[in-house]
Each structure stands twice: as structure tokens, then as C-alpha cells.
Amino acid sequence: MDFEVLAGQYDDGHEINVKYSDVFATLDDAIEAHDKVSDYPWAYIQYKGRTLDVWAKGNDPLNR
């Protein structure tokens, strides 16, 4: 299984500029890498053609 972590910023004109890209064998490793680049304006993990949006640790989408 390959989990690709991508992160970057937007150039003038709102073009996507990838500043970080790496591939990991496990989701745990991909999440660890994502945490290190989560300060970029955008960052996500791709897996089998799907984009995974990773919420910051401690956030709960159900507000429990």
C-alpha cells in the first residue's frame, strides 16, 4: 500500500505549488509526515486515487 503525502502553497494566480511530496508504506508513517507539514496552506494524503483530509489531533467532527 502506498500513501502519498503532498503539501504546499498557492502561487500568484492561485496556482498550486507542491513543496513537499513523499510516499509511505503505512498510514501511520504518512500521518506522521503530514503532521510535520501541516503548517502549509494545504496538505493531504492520497491513497488509491482518493484524497484523505487529516484533521488535527484532538479535533472531533461530531463535537463530542
N, C-alpha and C. Protein backbone atom coordinates (compact mmCIF):
# COMPACT_ATOMS: atom_id res chain seq x y z
N MET A 1 0.84 -1.17 0.00
CA MET A 1 0.00 0.00 0.00
C MET A 1 0.88 1.24 0.00
N ASP A 2 0.54 2.19 -0.81
CA ASP A 2 1.30 3.44 -0.86
C ASP A 2 0.41 4.61 -0.45
N PHE A 3 0.89 5.36 0.50
CA PHE A 3 0.22 6.57 0.96
C PHE A 3 1.12 7.74 0.59
N GLU A 4 0.63 8.63 -0.26
CA GLU A 4 1.43 9.77 -0.70
C GLU A 4 1.00 11.01 0.07
N VAL A 5 1.97 11.69 0.65
CA VAL A 5 1.72 12.93 1.37
C VAL A 5 2.15 14.08 0.47
N LEU A 6 1.24 15.03 0.27
CA LEU A 6 1.51 16.21 -0.53
C LEU A 6 1.19 17.44 0.30
N ALA A 7 2.01 18.48 0.15
CA ALA A 7 1.77 19.73 0.86
C ALA A 7 2.39 20.87 0.06
N GLY A 8 1.84 22.06 0.24
CA GLY A 8 2.41 23.20 -0.45
C GLY A 8 1.65 24.47 -0.20
N GLN A 9 1.77 25.34 -1.18
CA GLN A 9 1.16 26.66 -1.08
C GLN A 9 0.57 27.03 -2.43
N TYR A 10 0.01 28.22 -2.52
CA TYR A 10 -0.54 28.73 -3.76
C TYR A 10 0.33 29.88 -4.26
N ASP A 11 0.67 29.84 -5.54
CA ASP A 11 1.41 30.94 -6.15
C ASP A 11 0.43 32.04 -6.52
N ASP A 12 0.98 33.15 -7.00
CA ASP A 12 0.13 34.22 -7.52
C ASP A 12 -0.79 33.63 -8.58
N GLY A 13 -2.01 34.04 -8.58
CA GLY A 13 -2.97 33.47 -9.51
C GLY A 13 -3.56 32.17 -9.01
N HIS A 14 -3.24 31.82 -7.77
CA HIS A 14 -3.82 30.65 -7.09
C HIS A 14 -3.44 29.32 -7.73
N GLU A 15 -2.26 29.28 -8.37
CA GLU A 15 -1.76 28.02 -8.90
C GLU A 15 -1.18 27.19 -7.76
N ILE A 16 -1.44 25.89 -7.77
CA ILE A 16 -0.91 25.01 -6.74
C ILE A 16 0.60 24.84 -6.91
N ASN A 17 1.34 24.99 -5.83
CA ASN A 17 2.79 24.84 -5.83
C ASN A 17 3.13 23.78 -4.77
N VAL A 18 3.49 22.59 -5.23
CA VAL A 18 3.82 21.49 -4.32
C VAL A 18 5.21 21.73 -3.76
N LYS A 19 5.30 21.80 -2.44
CA LYS A 19 6.58 22.00 -1.76
C LYS A 19 7.09 20.71 -1.12
N TYR A 20 6.19 19.76 -0.89
CA TYR A 20 6.57 18.50 -0.24
C TYR A 20 5.78 17.37 -0.86
N SER A 21 6.45 16.28 -1.18
CA SER A 21 5.81 15.08 -1.70
C SER A 21 6.66 13.88 -1.32
N ASP A 22 6.02 12.89 -0.69
CA ASP A 22 6.75 11.67 -0.32
C ASP A 22 5.74 10.53 -0.23
N VAL A 23 6.23 9.31 -0.38
CA VAL A 23 5.38 8.12 -0.37
C VAL A 23 5.79 7.24 0.81
N PHE A 24 4.77 6.69 1.49
CA PHE A 24 4.99 5.87 2.67
C PHE A 24 4.24 4.55 2.55
N ALA A 25 4.77 3.53 3.16
CA ALA A 25 4.16 2.20 3.09
C ALA A 25 3.00 2.05 4.06
N THR A 26 2.99 2.85 5.12
CA THR A 26 1.92 2.71 6.11
C THR A 26 1.21 4.03 6.34
N LEU A 27 -0.04 3.94 6.75
CA LEU A 27 -0.80 5.14 7.07
C LEU A 27 -0.20 5.85 8.28
N ASP A 28 0.28 5.10 9.25
CA ASP A 28 0.91 5.71 10.43
C ASP A 28 2.08 6.61 10.03
N ASP A 29 2.94 6.12 9.14
CA ASP A 29 4.08 6.93 8.69
C ASP A 29 3.62 8.14 7.90
N ALA A 30 2.58 7.97 7.08
CA ALA A 30 2.05 9.09 6.30
C ALA A 30 1.46 10.16 7.22
N ILE A 31 0.74 9.75 8.25
CA ILE A 31 0.17 10.71 9.19
C ILE A 31 1.28 11.46 9.93
N GLU A 32 2.32 10.75 10.31
CA GLU A 32 3.45 11.40 10.98
C GLU A 32 4.08 12.46 10.08
N ALA A 33 4.26 12.13 8.80
CA ALA A 33 4.82 13.10 7.85
C ALA A 33 3.86 14.26 7.64
N HIS A 34 2.56 13.96 7.53
CA HIS A 34 1.55 15.00 7.36
C HIS A 34 1.59 15.99 8.53
N ASP A 35 1.73 15.48 9.73
CA ASP A 35 1.80 16.35 10.91
C ASP A 35 2.97 17.33 10.81
N LYS A 36 4.06 16.91 10.19
CA LYS A 36 5.24 17.77 10.07
C LYS A 36 5.08 18.87 9.03
N VAL A 37 4.16 18.68 8.07
CA VAL A 37 3.97 19.69 7.01
C VAL A 37 2.59 20.34 7.08
N SER A 38 1.88 20.11 8.16
CA SER A 38 0.51 20.63 8.27
C SER A 38 0.45 22.15 8.41
N ASP A 39 1.60 22.81 8.55
CA ASP A 39 1.59 24.26 8.63
C ASP A 39 1.56 24.91 7.24
N TYR A 40 1.67 24.12 6.18
CA TYR A 40 1.50 24.66 4.83
C TYR A 40 0.02 25.02 4.62
N PRO A 41 -0.28 25.91 3.67
CA PRO A 41 -1.68 26.27 3.42
C PRO A 41 -2.56 25.07 3.05
N TRP A 42 -1.97 24.07 2.43
CA TRP A 42 -2.73 22.84 2.14
C TRP A 42 -1.80 21.64 2.30
N ALA A 43 -2.36 20.55 2.78
CA ALA A 43 -1.64 19.29 2.94
C ALA A 43 -2.67 18.17 3.00
N TYR A 44 -2.35 17.06 2.36
CA TYR A 44 -3.27 15.92 2.40
C TYR A 44 -2.52 14.64 2.09
N ILE A 45 -3.23 13.54 2.27
CA ILE A 45 -2.70 12.21 1.98
C ILE A 45 -3.54 11.62 0.86
N GLN A 46 -2.88 11.02 -0.12
CA GLN A 46 -3.60 10.33 -1.19
C GLN A 46 -3.37 8.83 -1.06
N TYR A 47 -4.45 8.07 -1.30
CA TYR A 47 -4.40 6.62 -1.22
C TYR A 47 -5.36 6.04 -2.25
N LYS A 48 -4.84 5.25 -3.17
CA LYS A 48 -5.64 4.60 -4.21
C LYS A 48 -6.58 5.57 -4.91
N GLY A 49 -6.04 6.73 -5.28
CA GLY A 49 -6.81 7.71 -6.03
C GLY A 49 -7.78 8.54 -5.20
N ARG A 50 -7.77 8.34 -3.90
CA ARG A 50 -8.64 9.12 -3.01
C ARG A 50 -7.80 10.07 -2.19
N THR A 51 -8.36 11.23 -1.90
CA THR A 51 -7.68 12.21 -1.07
C THR A 51 -8.23 12.14 0.33
N LEU A 52 -7.33 11.94 1.28
CA LEU A 52 -7.71 11.87 2.69
C LEU A 52 -7.39 13.20 3.35
N ASP A 53 -8.38 13.82 3.93
CA ASP A 53 -8.18 15.06 4.66
C ASP A 53 -7.94 14.70 6.12
N VAL A 54 -6.80 15.06 6.65
CA VAL A 54 -6.43 14.68 8.01
C VAL A 54 -6.70 15.85 8.94
N TRP A 55 -7.56 15.62 9.91
CA TRP A 55 -7.87 16.65 10.90
C TRP A 55 -6.76 16.68 11.94
N ALA A 56 -6.54 17.83 12.52
CA ALA A 56 -5.53 17.95 13.58
C ALA A 56 -5.92 17.08 14.76
N LYS A 57 -4.92 16.52 15.40
CA LYS A 57 -5.15 15.67 16.55
C LYS A 57 -5.96 16.44 17.60
N GLY A 58 -6.98 15.79 18.13
CA GLY A 58 -7.83 16.42 19.14
C GLY A 58 -9.12 17.00 18.60
N ASN A 59 -9.21 17.19 17.27
CA ASN A 59 -10.46 17.68 16.68
C ASN A 59 -11.45 16.54 16.56
N ASP A 60 -12.70 16.83 16.78
CA ASP A 60 -13.77 15.83 16.69
C ASP A 60 -14.86 16.38 15.78
N PRO A 61 -15.09 15.77 14.61
CA PRO A 61 -16.10 16.29 13.68
C PRO A 61 -17.51 16.27 14.25
N LEU A 62 -17.75 15.48 15.28
CA LEU A 62 -19.08 15.41 15.90
C LEU A 62 -19.18 16.30 17.13
N ASN A 63 -18.10 17.03 17.42
CA ASN A 63 -18.08 17.94 18.58
C ASN A 63 -18.52 17.26 19.87
N ARG A 64 -18.00 16.07 20.10
CA ARG A 64 -18.35 15.35 21.34
C ARG A 64 -17.47 15.78 22.48
